[in-house]
Amino acid sequence: MEYLKSFKADPRHFQIATLASLLMFLFIWNDFAPSLTVIALTLSGTLLTQLFFFKVLKIKSNDYRSPLITSLSLALLFKTNLIWLYPLAGALAMASKFIIRWDNKHLFNPANAAIVFMLMLAPNLVWVSPGQWGNAAWLGFALICLAILVLSRARRADMAVFFLIAWSALLLARAAWLGDPLVIPIHNLQSGALLIFAFFMISDPMTTPNNRWGRLLFAVSVAVVAYILQYVFQVREAIFYALFIICMTTPLIDFIFKNHAYKWSNA
């Protein structure tokens, strides 16, 4: 009973369990799973970088739940033909967490930052997997993600809802404007990458505004910027770039909409 209470006390436990379960599902029933080598290299990059900052630079952070979530997210989304880029992505992710900070918290979601950095550093060598795993896998993963919102009681769960509503509204409005059938925006929404982005990146409580109104502004802004990048400038990884850009406004949003900063449970 005490173990269950400890597990439920921190939403990161649910996130780790969900991402790990998805990887296991892809290994067993799908052909889109990353190799064990990719997972090991990515995990090594995140864990060793965290250890470096903890041991060498004496930065107080010995919690390895964040590196696990980051490495699992990268393993599912980040793709390259050069195997050595996987640990580099993991290292960049964790380095961004410790180096780029404001008001005692990191500015960017580590996995999202790594994806954007790698896309900018090696645009012809890396890409992001759309995460198309089939309708059954997508629906199952969506239901599990929604269950996380209820079971984990994460105080930043509203971010995923705000973003998905805004993004869906923009896609549906575009379809109506162009006279496209509804099947087109619905198909665009059925993306595994979109689910991972909404439930494991934009909802990161350490990189989003503290106030709920600020989070609503943040989520809608990400959706609008992503829409412009994707449909005006034809940027395929638009949502990741949009989150990276809007994260830079978090200090300003927190200044305007004041509230207490989020703290992870010590459980």
C-alpha atoms as a PDB file:
ATOM      1  CA  MET A   1       0.000   0.000   0.000  1.00  0.00           C
ATOM      2  CA  GLU A   2       2.811   2.415   0.889  1.00  0.00           C
ATOM      3  CA  TYR A   3       4.503   1.612  -2.423  1.00  0.00           C
ATOM      4  CA  LEU A   4       1.322   2.468  -4.346  1.00  0.00           C
ATOM      5  CA  LYS A   5       0.997   5.756  -2.478  1.00  0.00           C
ATOM      6  CA  SER A   6       4.606   6.592  -3.320  1.00  0.00           C
ATOM      7  CA  PHE A   7       4.029   5.652  -6.959  1.00  0.00           C
ATOM      8  CA  LYS A   8       0.926   7.824  -7.292  1.00  0.00           C
ATOM      9  CA  ALA A   9       2.549  10.756  -5.513  1.00  0.00           C
ATOM     10  CA  ASP A  10       4.718  11.629  -8.515  1.00  0.00           C
ATOM     11  CA  PRO A  11       3.260  11.741 -12.075  1.00  0.00           C
ATOM     12  CA  ARG A  12       6.685  10.868 -13.492  1.00  0.00           C
ATOM     13  CA  HIS A  13       6.152   7.267 -12.374  1.00  0.00           C
ATOM     14  CA  PHE A  14       3.084   7.017 -14.603  1.00  0.00           C
ATOM     15  CA  GLN A  15       4.971   8.627 -17.480  1.00  0.00           C
ATOM     16  CA  ILE A  16       7.854   6.163 -17.225  1.00  0.00           C
ATOM     17  CA  ALA A  17       5.480   3.213 -17.009  1.00  0.00           C
ATOM     18  CA  THR A  18       3.463   4.438 -20.004  1.00  0.00           C
ATOM     19  CA  LEU A  19       6.448   5.103 -22.279  1.00  0.00           C
ATOM     20  CA  ALA A  20       8.104   1.827 -21.297  1.00  0.00           C
ATOM     21  CA  SER A  21       4.864  -0.066 -21.960  1.00  0.00           C
ATOM     22  CA  LEU A  22       4.577   1.556 -25.379  1.00  0.00           C
ATOM     23  CA  LEU A  23       8.113   0.482 -26.230  1.00  0.00           C
ATOM     24  CA  MET A  24       7.338  -3.082 -25.160  1.00  0.00           C
ATOM     25  CA  PHE A  25       4.186  -3.063 -27.290  1.00  0.00           C
ATOM     26  CA  LEU A  26       6.126  -1.857 -30.336  1.00  0.00           C
ATOM     27  CA  PHE A  27       8.746  -4.554 -29.794  1.00  0.00           C
ATOM     28  CA  ILE A  28       6.172  -7.330 -29.629  1.00  0.00           C
ATOM     29  CA  TRP A  29       3.406  -6.315 -32.038  1.00  0.00           C
ATOM     30  CA  ASN A  30       4.810  -3.601 -34.284  1.00  0.00           C
ATOM     31  CA  ASP A  31       7.675  -2.967 -36.680  1.00  0.00           C
ATOM     32  CA  PHE A  32       8.336   0.632 -35.603  1.00  0.00           C
ATOM     33  CA  ALA A  33      10.193  -0.065 -32.372  1.00  0.00           C
ATOM     34  CA  PRO A  34      13.681   1.424 -31.904  1.00  0.00           C
ATOM     35  CA  SER A  35      16.448  -1.122 -31.513  1.00  0.00           C
ATOM     36  CA  LEU A  36      17.826  -2.090 -28.126  1.00  0.00           C
ATOM     37  CA  THR A  37      21.091  -0.446 -29.175  1.00  0.00           C
ATOM     38  CA  VAL A  38      19.318   2.860 -29.805  1.00  0.00           C
ATOM     39  CA  ILE A  39      17.576   2.712 -26.436  1.00  0.00           C
ATOM     40  CA  ALA A  40      20.807   1.822 -24.610  1.00  0.00           C
ATOM     41  CA  LEU A  41      22.825   4.573 -26.297  1.00  0.00           C
ATOM     42  CA  THR A  42      20.174   7.228 -25.707  1.00  0.00           C
ATOM     43  CA  LEU A  43      19.770   6.199 -22.081  1.00  0.00           C
ATOM     44  CA  SER A  44      23.551   6.218 -21.631  1.00  0.00           C
ATOM     45  CA  GLY A  45      23.736   9.760 -22.989  1.00  0.00           C
ATOM     46  CA  THR A  46      21.112  11.084 -20.581  1.00  0.00           C
ATOM     47  CA  LEU A  47      22.287   9.213 -17.491  1.00  0.00           C
ATOM     48  CA  LEU A  48      25.997   9.918 -17.949  1.00  0.00           C
ATOM     49  CA  THR A  49      25.345  13.604 -18.556  1.00  0.00           C
ATOM     50  CA  GLN A  50      23.190  13.814 -15.438  1.00  0.00           C
ATOM     51  CA  LEU A  51      25.939  12.026 -13.492  1.00  0.00           C
ATOM     52  CA  PHE A  52      28.530  14.462 -14.864  1.00  0.00           C
ATOM     53  CA  PHE A  53      26.640  17.514 -13.653  1.00  0.00           C
ATOM     54  CA  PHE A  54      25.876  15.865 -10.325  1.00  0.00           C
ATOM     55  CA  LYS A  55      29.356  14.576  -9.545  1.00  0.00           C
ATOM     56  CA  VAL A  56      31.771  16.880 -11.350  1.00  0.00           C
ATOM     57  CA  LEU A  57      29.970  20.218 -11.228  1.00  0.00           C
ATOM     58  CA  LYS A  58      28.334  19.487  -7.847  1.00  0.00           C
ATOM     59  CA  ILE A  59      24.857  20.405  -9.080  1.00  0.00           C
ATOM     60  CA  LYS A  60      22.257  19.048  -6.694  1.00  0.00           C
ATOM     61  CA  SER A  61      20.110  16.688  -8.752  1.00  0.00           C
ATOM     62  CA  ASN A  62      20.354  12.956  -8.153  1.00  0.00           C
ATOM     63  CA  ASP A  63      16.864  12.076  -9.399  1.00  0.00           C
ATOM     64  CA  TYR A  64      16.984   9.763 -12.426  1.00  0.00           C
ATOM     65  CA  ARG A  65      13.292   9.814 -13.273  1.00  0.00           C
ATOM     66  CA  SER A  66      13.759  12.797 -15.579  1.00  0.00           C
ATOM     67  CA  PRO A  67      16.575  11.146 -17.615  1.00  0.00           C
ATOM     68  CA  LEU A  68      14.432   8.026 -17.977  1.00  0.00           C
ATOM     69  CA  ILE A  69      11.465   9.975 -19.339  1.00  0.00           C
ATOM     70  CA  THR A  70      13.740  11.978 -21.617  1.00  0.00           C
ATOM     71  CA  SER A  71      15.548   8.937 -23.028  1.00  0.00           C
ATOM     72  CA  LEU A  72      12.301   7.001 -23.585  1.00  0.00           C
ATOM     73  CA  SER A  73      10.758   9.971 -25.400  1.00  0.00           C
ATOM     74  CA  LEU A  74      13.848  10.401 -27.576  1.00  0.00           C
ATOM     75  CA  ALA A  75      13.989   6.680 -28.353  1.00  0.00           C
ATOM     76  CA  LEU A  76      10.411   6.833 -29.627  1.00  0.00           C
ATOM     77  CA  LEU A  77      10.697  10.080 -31.606  1.00  0.00           C
ATOM     78  CA  PHE A  78      14.294  10.890 -32.553  1.00  0.00           C
ATOM     79  CA  LYS A  79      15.650   9.114 -35.651  1.00  0.00           C
ATOM     80  CA  THR A  80      19.017   9.120 -37.427  1.00  0.00           C
ATOM     81  CA  ASN A  81      21.152   6.793 -39.514  1.00  0.00           C
ATOM     82  CA  LEU A  82      24.269   7.693 -37.500  1.00  0.00           C
ATOM     83  CA  ILE A  83      24.234   5.636 -34.330  1.00  0.00           C
ATOM     84  CA  TRP A  84      26.540   7.969 -32.383  1.00  0.00           C
ATOM     85  CA  LEU A  85      24.028  10.806 -32.649  1.00  0.00           C
ATOM     86  CA  TYR A  86      21.674   9.032 -30.228  1.00  0.00           C
ATOM     87  CA  PRO A  87      23.892   9.448 -27.130  1.00  0.00           C
ATOM     88  CA  LEU A  88      24.693  12.979 -28.317  1.00  0.00           C
ATOM     89  CA  ALA A  89      20.980  13.789 -28.372  1.00  0.00           C
ATOM     90  CA  GLY A  90      20.610  12.380 -24.866  1.00  0.00           C
ATOM     91  CA  ALA A  91      23.581  14.405 -23.650  1.00  0.00           C
ATOM     92  CA  LEU A  92      22.256  17.630 -25.206  1.00  0.00           C
ATOM     93  CA  ALA A  93      18.867  17.008 -23.616  1.00  0.00           C
ATOM     94  CA  MET A  94      20.230  16.785 -20.077  1.00  0.00           C
ATOM     95  CA  ALA A  95      22.816  19.526 -20.609  1.00  0.00           C
ATOM     96  CA  SER A  96      20.035  21.919 -21.588  1.00  0.00           C
ATOM     97  CA  LYS A  97      18.285  21.089 -18.326  1.00  0.00           C
ATOM     98  CA  PHE A  98      21.272  22.124 -16.216  1.00  0.00           C
ATOM     99  CA  ILE A  99      22.725  24.958 -18.291  1.00  0.00           C
ATOM    100  CA  ILE A 100      19.709  26.861 -19.664  1.00  0.00           C
ATOM    101  CA  ARG A 101      17.829  27.847 -16.515  1.00  0.00           C
ATOM    102  CA  TRP A 102      15.687  30.644 -15.155  1.00  0.00           C
ATOM    103  CA  ASP A 103      14.223  31.202 -11.690  1.00  0.00           C
ATOM    104  CA  ASN A 104      15.598  27.898 -10.373  1.00  0.00           C
ATOM    105  CA  LYS A 105      14.041  25.762 -13.138  1.00  0.00           C
ATOM    106  CA  HIS A 106      15.086  24.731 -16.626  1.00  0.00           C
ATOM    107  CA  LEU A 107      13.663  26.731 -19.526  1.00  0.00           C
ATOM    108  CA  PHE A 108      13.211  23.947 -22.106  1.00  0.00           C
ATOM    109  CA  ASN A 109      11.784  20.456 -21.949  1.00  0.00           C
ATOM    110  CA  PRO A 110      14.959  18.330 -22.277  1.00  0.00           C
ATOM    111  CA  ALA A 111      13.714  15.934 -24.978  1.00  0.00           C
ATOM    112  CA  ASN A 112      12.182  18.739 -27.031  1.00  0.00           C
ATOM    113  CA  ALA A 113      15.349  20.824 -26.737  1.00  0.00           C
ATOM    114  CA  ALA A 114      17.493  17.900 -27.896  1.00  0.00           C
ATOM    115  CA  ILE A 115      15.277  17.303 -30.925  1.00  0.00           C
ATOM    116  CA  VAL A 116      15.413  20.979 -31.944  1.00  0.00           C
ATOM    117  CA  PHE A 117      19.165  21.254 -31.357  1.00  0.00           C
ATOM    118  CA  MET A 118      19.842  18.128 -33.437  1.00  0.00           C
ATOM    119  CA  LEU A 119      17.516  19.276 -36.239  1.00  0.00           C
ATOM    120  CA  MET A 120      19.422  22.559 -36.393  1.00  0.00           C
ATOM    121  CA  LEU A 121      22.886  20.995 -36.093  1.00  0.00           C
ATOM    122  CA  ALA A 122      22.352  18.137 -38.571  1.00  0.00           C
ATOM    123  CA  PRO A 123      19.144  18.801 -40.580  1.00  0.00           C
ATOM    124  CA  ASN A 124      20.075  16.303 -43.285  1.00  0.00           C
ATOM    125  CA  LEU A 125      20.985  13.522 -40.870  1.00  0.00           C
ATOM    126  CA  VAL A 126      18.152  13.479 -38.322  1.00  0.00           C
ATOM    127  CA  TRP A 127      14.357  13.507 -38.357  1.00  0.00           C
ATOM    128  CA  VAL A 128      11.383  12.949 -36.085  1.00  0.00           C
ATOM    129  CA  SER A 129       9.279   9.821 -36.365  1.00  0.00           C
ATOM    130  CA  PRO A 130       5.562  10.637 -36.848  1.00  0.00           C
ATOM    131  CA  GLY A 131       4.767   7.685 -34.602  1.00  0.00           C
ATOM    132  CA  GLN A 132       2.199   6.046 -36.844  1.00  0.00           C
ATOM    133  CA  TRP A 133       1.676   2.728 -35.108  1.00  0.00           C
ATOM    134  CA  GLY A 134      -1.716   1.783 -36.496  1.00  0.00           C
ATOM    135  CA  ASN A 135      -5.166   2.778 -35.276  1.00  0.00           C
ATOM    136  CA  ALA A 136      -5.359   0.184 -32.490  1.00  0.00           C
ATOM    137  CA  ALA A 137      -1.987   1.134 -30.997  1.00  0.00           C
ATOM    138  CA  TRP A 138      -2.719   4.861 -31.307  1.00  0.00           C
ATOM    139  CA  LEU A 139      -6.125   4.558 -29.645  1.00  0.00           C
ATOM    140  CA  GLY A 140      -4.740   2.407 -26.848  1.00  0.00           C
ATOM    141  CA  PHE A 141      -1.886   4.834 -26.197  1.00  0.00           C
ATOM    142  CA  ALA A 142      -4.318   7.778 -26.254  1.00  0.00           C
ATOM    143  CA  LEU A 143      -6.530   6.116 -23.649  1.00  0.00           C
ATOM    144  CA  ILE A 144      -3.531   5.371 -21.428  1.00  0.00           C
ATOM    145  CA  CYS A 145      -2.358   8.985 -21.704  1.00  0.00           C
ATOM    146  CA  LEU A 146      -5.808  10.226 -20.740  1.00  0.00           C
ATOM    147  CA  ALA A 147      -5.774   7.846 -17.777  1.00  0.00           C
ATOM    148  CA  ILE A 148      -2.525   9.451 -16.617  1.00  0.00           C
ATOM    149  CA  LEU A 149      -4.312  12.782 -16.312  1.00  0.00           C
ATOM    150  CA  VAL A 150      -6.778  11.245 -13.872  1.00  0.00           C
ATOM    151  CA  LEU A 151      -4.579   8.842 -11.929  1.00  0.00           C
ATOM    152  CA  SER A 152      -1.475  10.949 -11.492  1.00  0.00           C
ATOM    153  CA  ARG A 153      -3.333  14.129 -10.522  1.00  0.00           C
ATOM    154  CA  ALA A 154      -0.569  16.158 -12.175  1.00  0.00           C
ATOM    155  CA  ARG A 155      -1.154  19.872 -11.742  1.00  0.00           C
ATOM    156  CA  ARG A 156       0.010  20.534 -15.287  1.00  0.00           C
ATOM    157  CA  ALA A 157      -2.348  18.075 -16.979  1.00  0.00           C
ATOM    158  CA  ASP A 158      -4.343  21.043 -18.255  1.00  0.00           C
ATOM    159  CA  MET A 159      -1.502  21.870 -20.660  1.00  0.00           C
ATOM    160  CA  ALA A 160      -2.127  18.748 -22.746  1.00  0.00           C
ATOM    161  CA  VAL A 161      -5.855  19.505 -22.872  1.00  0.00           C
ATOM    162  CA  PHE A 162      -5.365  23.179 -23.770  1.00  0.00           C
ATOM    163  CA  PHE A 163      -2.928  22.367 -26.561  1.00  0.00           C
ATOM    164  CA  LEU A 164      -4.896  19.490 -28.077  1.00  0.00           C
ATOM    165  CA  ILE A 165      -8.100  21.550 -28.131  1.00  0.00           C
ATOM    166  CA  ALA A 166      -6.328  24.524 -29.746  1.00  0.00           C
ATOM    167  CA  TRP A 167      -4.458  22.372 -32.276  1.00  0.00           C
ATOM    168  CA  SER A 168      -7.583  20.401 -33.183  1.00  0.00           C
ATOM    169  CA  ALA A 169      -9.593  23.618 -33.600  1.00  0.00           C
ATOM    170  CA  LEU A 170      -6.978  25.046 -35.967  1.00  0.00           C
ATOM    171  CA  LEU A 171      -6.869  21.892 -38.087  1.00  0.00           C
ATOM    172  CA  LEU A 172     -10.673  21.647 -38.241  1.00  0.00           C
ATOM    173  CA  ALA A 173     -10.982  25.345 -39.113  1.00  0.00           C
ATOM    174  CA  ARG A 174      -8.429  24.918 -41.905  1.00  0.00           C
ATOM    175  CA  ALA A 175     -10.332  21.942 -43.297  1.00  0.00           C
ATOM    176  CA  ALA A 176     -13.589  23.905 -43.219  1.00  0.00           C
ATOM    177  CA  TRP A 177     -11.936  26.904 -44.915  1.00  0.00           C
ATOM    178  CA  LEU A 178     -10.470  24.756 -47.690  1.00  0.00           C
ATOM    179  CA  GLY A 179     -13.542  22.554 -48.011  1.00  0.00           C
ATOM    180  CA  ASP A 180     -11.570  19.432 -47.105  1.00  0.00           C
ATOM    181  CA  PRO A 181     -13.345  16.365 -45.716  1.00  0.00           C
ATOM    182  CA  LEU A 182     -13.087  15.835 -41.950  1.00  0.00           C
ATOM    183  CA  VAL A 183     -11.073  12.673 -42.503  1.00  0.00           C
ATOM    184  CA  ILE A 184      -8.008  14.825 -43.302  1.00  0.00           C
ATOM    185  CA  PRO A 185      -7.712  16.729 -39.984  1.00  0.00           C
ATOM    186  CA  ILE A 186      -8.758  13.618 -38.065  1.00  0.00           C
ATOM    187  CA  HIS A 187      -5.968  11.654 -39.737  1.00  0.00           C
ATOM    188  CA  ASN A 188      -3.480  14.418 -38.912  1.00  0.00           C
ATOM    189  CA  LEU A 189      -4.501  14.200 -35.267  1.00  0.00           C
ATOM    190  CA  GLN A 190      -3.959  10.441 -35.141  1.00  0.00           C
ATOM    191  CA  SER A 191      -0.215  10.692 -34.644  1.00  0.00           C
ATOM    192  CA  GLY A 192       1.796   8.999 -31.948  1.00  0.00           C
ATOM    193  CA  ALA A 193       4.298  11.859 -32.050  1.00  0.00           C
ATOM    194  CA  LEU A 194       1.491  14.323 -31.299  1.00  0.00           C
ATOM    195  CA  LEU A 195       0.439  12.292 -28.251  1.00  0.00           C
ATOM    196  CA  ILE A 196       3.994  12.077 -26.884  1.00  0.00           C
ATOM    197  CA  PHE A 197       4.393  15.810 -27.499  1.00  0.00           C
ATOM    198  CA  ALA A 198       1.137  16.717 -25.736  1.00  0.00           C
ATOM    199  CA  PHE A 199       1.389  14.403 -22.741  1.00  0.00           C
ATOM    200  CA  PHE A 200       5.147  14.256 -22.146  1.00  0.00           C
ATOM    201  CA  MET A 201       6.639  17.507 -23.491  1.00  0.00           C
ATOM    202  CA  ILE A 202       4.335  20.510 -23.486  1.00  0.00           C
ATOM    203  CA  SER A 203       2.865  19.327 -20.168  1.00  0.00           C
ATOM    204  CA  ASP A 204       6.276  19.346 -18.450  1.00  0.00           C
ATOM    205  CA  PRO A 205       5.511  21.221 -15.195  1.00  0.00           C
ATOM    206  CA  MET A 206       9.067  22.491 -14.831  1.00  0.00           C
ATOM    207  CA  THR A 207       9.090  24.366 -18.157  1.00  0.00           C
ATOM    208  CA  THR A 208       5.549  25.741 -18.346  1.00  0.00           C
ATOM    209  CA  PRO A 209       3.972  28.814 -16.706  1.00  0.00           C
ATOM    210  CA  ASN A 210       2.960  28.577 -13.068  1.00  0.00           C
ATOM    211  CA  ASN A 211      -0.436  30.236 -13.455  1.00  0.00           C
ATOM    212  CA  ARG A 212      -3.317  28.437 -15.230  1.00  0.00           C
ATOM    213  CA  TRP A 213      -4.187  31.473 -17.346  1.00  0.00           C
ATOM    214  CA  GLY A 214      -0.534  31.693 -18.290  1.00  0.00           C
ATOM    215  CA  ARG A 215      -0.571  28.020 -19.269  1.00  0.00           C
ATOM    216  CA  LEU A 216      -3.644  28.568 -21.430  1.00  0.00           C
ATOM    217  CA  LEU A 217      -1.871  31.429 -23.221  1.00  0.00           C
ATOM    218  CA  PHE A 218       1.258  29.285 -23.543  1.00  0.00           C
ATOM    219  CA  ALA A 219      -0.559  26.258 -25.007  1.00  0.00           C
ATOM    220  CA  VAL A 220      -2.592  28.298 -27.492  1.00  0.00           C
ATOM    221  CA  SER A 221       0.550  30.166 -28.555  1.00  0.00           C
ATOM    222  CA  VAL A 222       2.372  26.887 -29.224  1.00  0.00           C
ATOM    223  CA  ALA A 223      -0.555  25.674 -31.337  1.00  0.00           C
ATOM    224  CA  VAL A 224      -0.718  28.920 -33.341  1.00  0.00           C
ATOM    225  CA  VAL A 225       3.043  29.100 -33.956  1.00  0.00           C
ATOM    226  CA  ALA A 226       3.120  25.411 -34.901  1.00  0.00           C
ATOM    227  CA  TYR A 227       0.243  25.957 -37.336  1.00  0.00           C
ATOM    228  CA  ILE A 228       2.053  28.877 -38.997  1.00  0.00           C
ATOM    229  CA  LEU A 229       5.324  26.964 -39.234  1.00  0.00           C
ATOM    230  CA  GLN A 230       3.670  23.861 -40.664  1.00  0.00           C
ATOM    231  CA  TYR A 231       1.147  25.312 -43.093  1.00  0.00           C
ATOM    232  CA  VAL A 232       2.785  28.613 -44.073  1.00  0.00           C
ATOM    233  CA  PHE A 233       6.487  27.725 -43.967  1.00  0.00           C
ATOM    234  CA  GLN A 234       6.076  23.956 -44.536  1.00  0.00           C
ATOM    235  CA  VAL A 235       8.145  22.965 -41.491  1.00  0.00           C
ATOM    236  CA  ARG A 236       7.511  19.265 -40.840  1.00  0.00           C
ATOM    237  CA  GLU A 237       8.631  19.285 -37.189  1.00  0.00           C
ATOM    238  CA  ALA A 238       6.574  22.414 -36.481  1.00  0.00           C
ATOM    239  CA  ILE A 239       5.220  21.484 -33.052  1.00  0.00           C
ATOM    240  CA  PHE A 240       8.704  20.869 -31.647  1.00  0.00           C
ATOM    241  CA  TYR A 241      10.070  24.159 -32.953  1.00  0.00           C
ATOM    242  CA  ALA A 242       6.962  25.971 -31.690  1.00  0.00           C
ATOM    243  CA  LEU A 243       7.357  24.641 -28.152  1.00  0.00           C
ATOM    244  CA  PHE A 244      11.044  25.565 -28.163  1.00  0.00           C
ATOM    245  CA  ILE A 245      10.216  29.124 -29.243  1.00  0.00           C
ATOM    246  CA  ILE A 246       7.331  29.683 -26.831  1.00  0.00           C
ATOM    247  CA  CYS A 247       9.311  28.260 -23.891  1.00  0.00           C
ATOM    248  CA  MET A 248      11.460  31.386 -24.170  1.00  0.00           C
ATOM    249  CA  THR A 249       8.413  33.440 -23.166  1.00  0.00           C
ATOM    250  CA  THR A 250       7.782  31.524 -19.930  1.00  0.00           C
ATOM    251  CA  PRO A 251       9.692  34.046 -17.747  1.00  0.00           C
ATOM    252  CA  LEU A 252       7.573  36.887 -19.163  1.00  0.00           C
ATOM    253  CA  ILE A 253       4.321  34.938 -18.742  1.00  0.00           C
ATOM    254  CA  ASP A 254       5.251  34.069 -15.142  1.00  0.00           C
ATOM    255  CA  PHE A 255       5.993  37.747 -14.500  1.00  0.00           C
ATOM    256  CA  ILE A 256       2.552  38.785 -15.783  1.00  0.00           C
ATOM    257  CA  PHE A 257       0.548  35.866 -14.345  1.00  0.00           C
ATOM    258  CA  LYS A 258       2.095  35.247 -10.947  1.00  0.00           C
ATOM    259  CA  ASN A 259       1.763  31.990  -9.030  1.00  0.00           C
ATOM    260  CA  HIS A 260       3.825  29.542  -6.972  1.00  0.00           C
ATOM    261  CA  ALA A 261       6.368  27.436  -8.870  1.00  0.00           C
ATOM    262  CA  TYR A 262       5.735  23.719  -9.291  1.00  0.00           C
ATOM    263  CA  LYS A 263       7.735  21.238  -7.211  1.00  0.00           C
ATOM    264  CA  TRP A 264       8.015  17.523  -7.811  1.00  0.00           C
ATOM    265  CA  SER A 265       7.040  15.203  -4.991  1.00  0.00           C
ATOM    266  CA  ASN A 266       9.927  13.797  -2.988  1.00  0.00           C
ATOM    267  CA  ALA A 267       8.232  10.408  -2.893  1.00  0.00           C
END
